[in-house]
Amino acid sequence: MTVADATSSTTPAALVTTDWARDHLEDDRVRFLEVDVDTDAYDTGHLPGATGVNWKSQLTDAVRRDLVSREELQALLREAGVNDDTTIVLYGDNNNWFAAWAYWQLQYQGLDNVRLLDGGRVKVEADGLPLTTDAPSHASGTITLPTRTREELRAYRQQVIDGIGSAERSLVDVRSPEEFRGELSAPAHLPQEAAQRRGHIPGAVNVPWS
């Protein structure tokens, strides 16, 4: 199976399977990045050659409370050995929660050659893919991110406010039903993620991530 097969008509372009991953663990044209909610999970075992990415310190700017800059993200990918023609495959714990967020962030920064490993870390373990605690060793990559972001992939605060009650826009709230109903301010297993206010945006529909 080739890298091109990842986008065949029988497989959604966003996803690759664990079988595909097994066949490409030693493919120099593929780089696996593990992005976990539990930032210590990577150290307990990861796919051979996979680079661990910390969403707290490497994908967010804590001062601006925003995404990291294009330059910082580019440096991170180069450190992982990513080139312009590299297929980036993301996976992680908690049903690919932050791996999918990283996927969106890379798409937002203009990258197309990005995939999610269907099933995430749970399926990697269930399907018996090899795991290691060895640190990966890759030559520095040469990827250059596009200079313009895809703003059509991002909604800002005022856009959300302006869209409340509009028949042309829909809001999907992916949190747990308990958070959606305002009974909890954070996921039950992640109390440190507490929201400042409970409840949901008027008109939103609850489709839990899990």
Protein backbone atom coordinates (compact mmCIF):
# COMPACT_ATOMS: atom_id res chain seq x y z
CA MET A 1 0.00 0.00 0.00
CA THR A 2 1.39 3.36 -1.01
CA VAL A 3 1.08 6.75 0.60
CA ALA A 4 -1.32 7.68 -2.20
CA ASP A 5 -3.61 4.82 -1.14
CA ALA A 6 -4.39 6.76 2.02
CA THR A 7 -6.62 9.01 -0.07
CA SER A 8 -8.26 6.31 -2.19
CA SER A 9 -11.97 6.41 -2.90
CA THR A 10 -12.60 3.72 -0.26
CA THR A 11 -10.92 5.62 2.58
CA PRO A 12 -11.87 9.13 3.71
CA ALA A 13 -9.05 11.53 2.93
CA ALA A 14 -8.72 12.54 6.57
CA LEU A 15 -8.09 9.01 7.85
CA VAL A 16 -5.64 6.15 7.62
CA THR A 17 -6.16 2.75 9.22
CA THR A 18 -3.96 0.93 11.72
CA ASP A 19 -3.12 -1.57 8.95
CA TRP A 20 -1.91 1.32 6.81
CA ALA A 21 0.10 2.63 9.73
CA ARG A 22 1.71 -0.77 10.31
CA ASP A 23 2.81 -0.85 6.68
CA HIS A 24 4.36 2.64 6.89
CA LEU A 25 6.16 2.63 10.22
CA GLU A 26 9.52 2.61 8.43
CA ASP A 27 8.47 4.80 5.50
CA ASP A 28 10.71 7.86 5.35
CA ARG A 29 7.92 9.75 3.60
CA VAL A 30 5.65 9.40 6.63
CA ARG A 31 5.99 11.00 10.08
CA PHE A 32 3.80 9.96 12.99
CA LEU A 33 3.01 12.57 15.65
CA GLU A 34 1.35 11.57 18.93
CA VAL A 35 -0.73 14.31 20.55
CA ASP A 36 -2.28 13.21 23.84
CA VAL A 37 -4.58 14.87 26.34
CA ASP A 38 -2.46 13.16 28.99
CA THR A 39 0.90 14.64 28.07
CA ASP A 40 2.72 11.81 29.91
CA ALA A 41 1.10 9.02 27.88
CA TYR A 42 3.68 9.20 25.08
CA ASP A 43 6.49 8.23 27.46
CA THR A 44 4.73 4.99 28.42
CA GLY A 45 5.05 3.71 24.85
CA HIS A 46 4.48 5.06 21.34
CA LEU A 47 4.74 3.99 17.73
CA PRO A 48 8.37 3.50 16.64
CA GLY A 49 9.64 6.75 15.16
CA ALA A 50 6.66 8.77 16.41
CA THR A 51 7.34 12.20 17.86
CA GLY A 52 5.43 13.29 20.94
CA VAL A 53 3.83 16.73 20.73
CA ASN A 54 2.72 18.50 23.91
CA TRP A 55 -0.46 20.42 23.17
CA LYS A 56 -0.02 22.64 26.22
CA SER A 57 3.51 23.87 25.53
CA GLN A 58 4.02 23.26 21.80
CA LEU A 59 0.67 23.92 20.13
CA THR A 60 -0.64 26.81 22.22
CA ASP A 61 0.68 30.23 23.15
CA ALA A 62 -0.07 30.52 26.87
CA VAL A 63 0.46 34.29 26.92
CA ARG A 64 -1.84 35.15 24.01
CA ARG A 65 -4.14 32.17 24.72
CA ASP A 66 -4.06 31.33 21.04
CA LEU A 67 -2.45 28.95 18.59
CA VAL A 68 1.32 28.93 18.30
CA SER A 69 2.72 31.07 15.54
CA ARG A 70 3.41 29.81 12.05
CA GLU A 71 7.15 30.05 12.77
CA GLU A 72 6.90 28.01 15.97
CA LEU A 73 4.78 25.32 14.32
CA GLN A 74 7.15 25.14 11.37
CA ALA A 75 10.12 24.70 13.71
CA LEU A 76 8.27 21.94 15.58
CA LEU A 77 7.55 20.04 12.37
CA ARG A 78 11.10 20.44 11.13
CA GLU A 79 12.40 19.06 14.41
CA ALA A 80 10.18 16.01 13.83
CA GLY A 81 11.82 15.48 10.44
CA VAL A 82 8.94 16.71 8.30
CA ASN A 83 9.65 17.82 4.73
CA ASP A 84 7.32 19.42 2.19
CA ASP A 85 6.45 16.01 0.71
CA THR A 86 6.04 14.21 4.04
CA THR A 87 2.69 12.67 4.99
CA ILE A 88 1.96 13.67 8.58
CA VAL A 89 -0.11 11.13 10.54
CA LEU A 90 -1.56 12.22 13.88
CA TYR A 91 -2.92 10.02 16.65
CA GLY A 92 -3.52 10.26 20.38
CA ASP A 93 -5.50 9.27 23.44
CA ASN A 94 -9.07 10.16 24.40
CA ASN A 95 -10.48 9.24 20.99
CA ASN A 96 -7.95 11.39 19.13
CA TRP A 97 -9.25 14.48 20.93
CA PHE A 98 -6.16 16.69 20.69
CA ALA A 99 -4.77 14.79 17.72
CA ALA A 100 -7.82 15.99 15.79
CA TRP A 101 -7.29 19.51 17.11
CA ALA A 102 -3.69 19.34 15.84
CA TYR A 103 -5.04 18.08 12.50
CA TRP A 104 -7.28 21.15 12.28
CA GLN A 105 -4.39 23.42 13.25
CA LEU A 106 -2.16 22.05 10.49
CA GLN A 107 -5.00 22.39 7.98
CA TYR A 108 -5.58 25.95 9.19
CA GLN A 109 -1.90 26.68 8.55
CA GLY A 110 -2.31 25.54 4.96
CA LEU A 111 -1.13 21.92 5.01
CA ASP A 112 -3.03 19.25 3.06
CA ASN A 113 -0.82 16.19 3.46
CA VAL A 114 -2.11 15.44 6.97
CA ARG A 115 -4.04 12.39 8.20
CA LEU A 116 -5.61 11.08 11.40
CA LEU A 117 -4.93 7.50 12.48
CA ASP A 118 -8.45 6.12 12.78
CA GLY A 119 -9.15 4.90 16.31
CA GLY A 120 -6.22 6.67 17.89
CA ARG A 121 -4.04 5.28 20.62
CA VAL A 122 -6.72 2.86 21.84
CA LYS A 123 -6.91 1.10 18.47
CA VAL A 124 -3.12 1.16 18.09
CA GLU A 125 -2.90 -0.86 21.29
CA ALA A 126 -5.93 -3.07 20.52
CA ASP A 127 -4.55 -4.01 17.08
CA GLY A 128 -1.14 -4.88 18.50
CA LEU A 129 0.97 -2.30 16.68
CA PRO A 130 4.50 -2.18 18.08
CA LEU A 131 5.20 0.32 20.84
CA THR A 132 8.51 1.60 22.14
CA THR A 133 9.81 4.01 24.74
CA ASP A 134 12.84 4.88 22.59
CA ALA A 135 13.16 8.50 21.52
CA PRO A 136 12.88 8.97 17.75
CA SER A 137 15.89 10.07 15.73
CA HIS A 138 15.14 12.00 12.56
CA ALA A 139 17.23 14.36 10.51
CA SER A 140 15.87 17.89 10.61
CA GLY A 141 13.13 18.45 8.08
CA THR A 142 12.81 21.26 5.56
CA ILE A 143 9.07 21.90 5.49
CA THR A 144 7.95 25.46 4.79
CA LEU A 145 4.44 26.40 5.88
CA PRO A 146 2.34 28.60 3.62
CA THR A 147 2.43 32.25 4.61
CA ARG A 148 -1.36 32.63 4.67
CA THR A 149 -3.74 30.83 7.01
CA ARG A 150 -7.08 29.39 5.94
CA GLU A 151 -9.37 31.72 7.80
CA GLU A 152 -12.41 29.95 6.36
CA LEU A 153 -11.60 27.06 8.70
CA ARG A 154 -11.83 29.16 11.85
CA ALA A 155 -14.70 30.90 13.60
CA TYR A 156 -14.03 33.81 15.91
CA ARG A 157 -16.03 35.03 18.90
CA GLN A 158 -17.99 37.71 17.08
CA GLN A 159 -18.84 35.36 14.23
CA VAL A 160 -20.29 32.90 16.73
CA ILE A 161 -22.30 35.64 18.45
CA ASP A 162 -23.58 36.96 15.13
CA GLY A 163 -24.64 33.47 14.11
CA ILE A 164 -26.85 32.76 17.13
CA GLY A 165 -30.39 32.22 15.90
CA SER A 166 -29.37 32.24 12.24
CA ALA A 167 -30.93 29.57 10.06
CA GLU A 168 -27.77 29.59 7.94
CA ARG A 169 -25.44 28.50 10.74
CA SER A 170 -25.36 25.56 13.10
CA LEU A 171 -23.37 25.09 16.29
CA VAL A 172 -22.25 21.66 17.43
CA ASP A 173 -21.13 21.29 21.07
CA VAL A 174 -18.90 18.21 21.37
CA ARG A 175 -18.61 18.20 25.16
CA SER A 176 -20.24 15.63 27.41
CA PRO A 177 -24.01 15.84 28.00
CA GLU A 178 -23.30 16.82 31.62
CA GLU A 179 -21.19 19.78 30.51
CA PHE A 180 -23.73 20.70 27.85
CA ARG A 181 -26.52 20.77 30.46
CA GLY A 182 -24.40 22.84 32.82
CA GLU A 183 -24.09 20.15 35.48
CA LEU A 184 -20.29 20.03 35.10
CA SER A 185 -17.80 22.75 34.18
CA ALA A 186 -15.21 20.27 32.88
CA PRO A 187 -14.96 16.66 31.69
CA ALA A 188 -15.33 14.36 34.68
CA HIS A 189 -11.83 12.92 34.10
CA LEU A 190 -10.25 16.32 33.41
CA PRO A 191 -11.29 18.68 36.21
CA GLN A 192 -8.38 20.99 35.42
CA GLU A 193 -10.10 21.92 32.14
CA ALA A 194 -12.90 23.80 33.91
CA ALA A 195 -14.81 26.39 31.91
CA GLN A 196 -15.38 29.83 33.41
CA ARG A 197 -19.13 29.52 32.88
CA ARG A 198 -21.38 26.49 32.74
CA GLY A 199 -23.94 25.67 30.08
CA HIS A 200 -23.86 26.01 26.30
CA ILE A 201 -24.29 28.61 23.57
CA PRO A 202 -27.98 29.10 22.72
CA GLY A 203 -29.07 26.97 19.77
CA ALA A 204 -26.13 24.56 19.96
CA VAL A 205 -26.70 20.85 19.41
CA ASN A 206 -24.86 18.36 21.61
CA VAL A 207 -22.91 15.65 19.74
CA PRO A 208 -20.48 14.27 22.36
CA TRP A 209 -16.96 13.74 21.09
CA SER A 210 -16.76 10.25 22.58
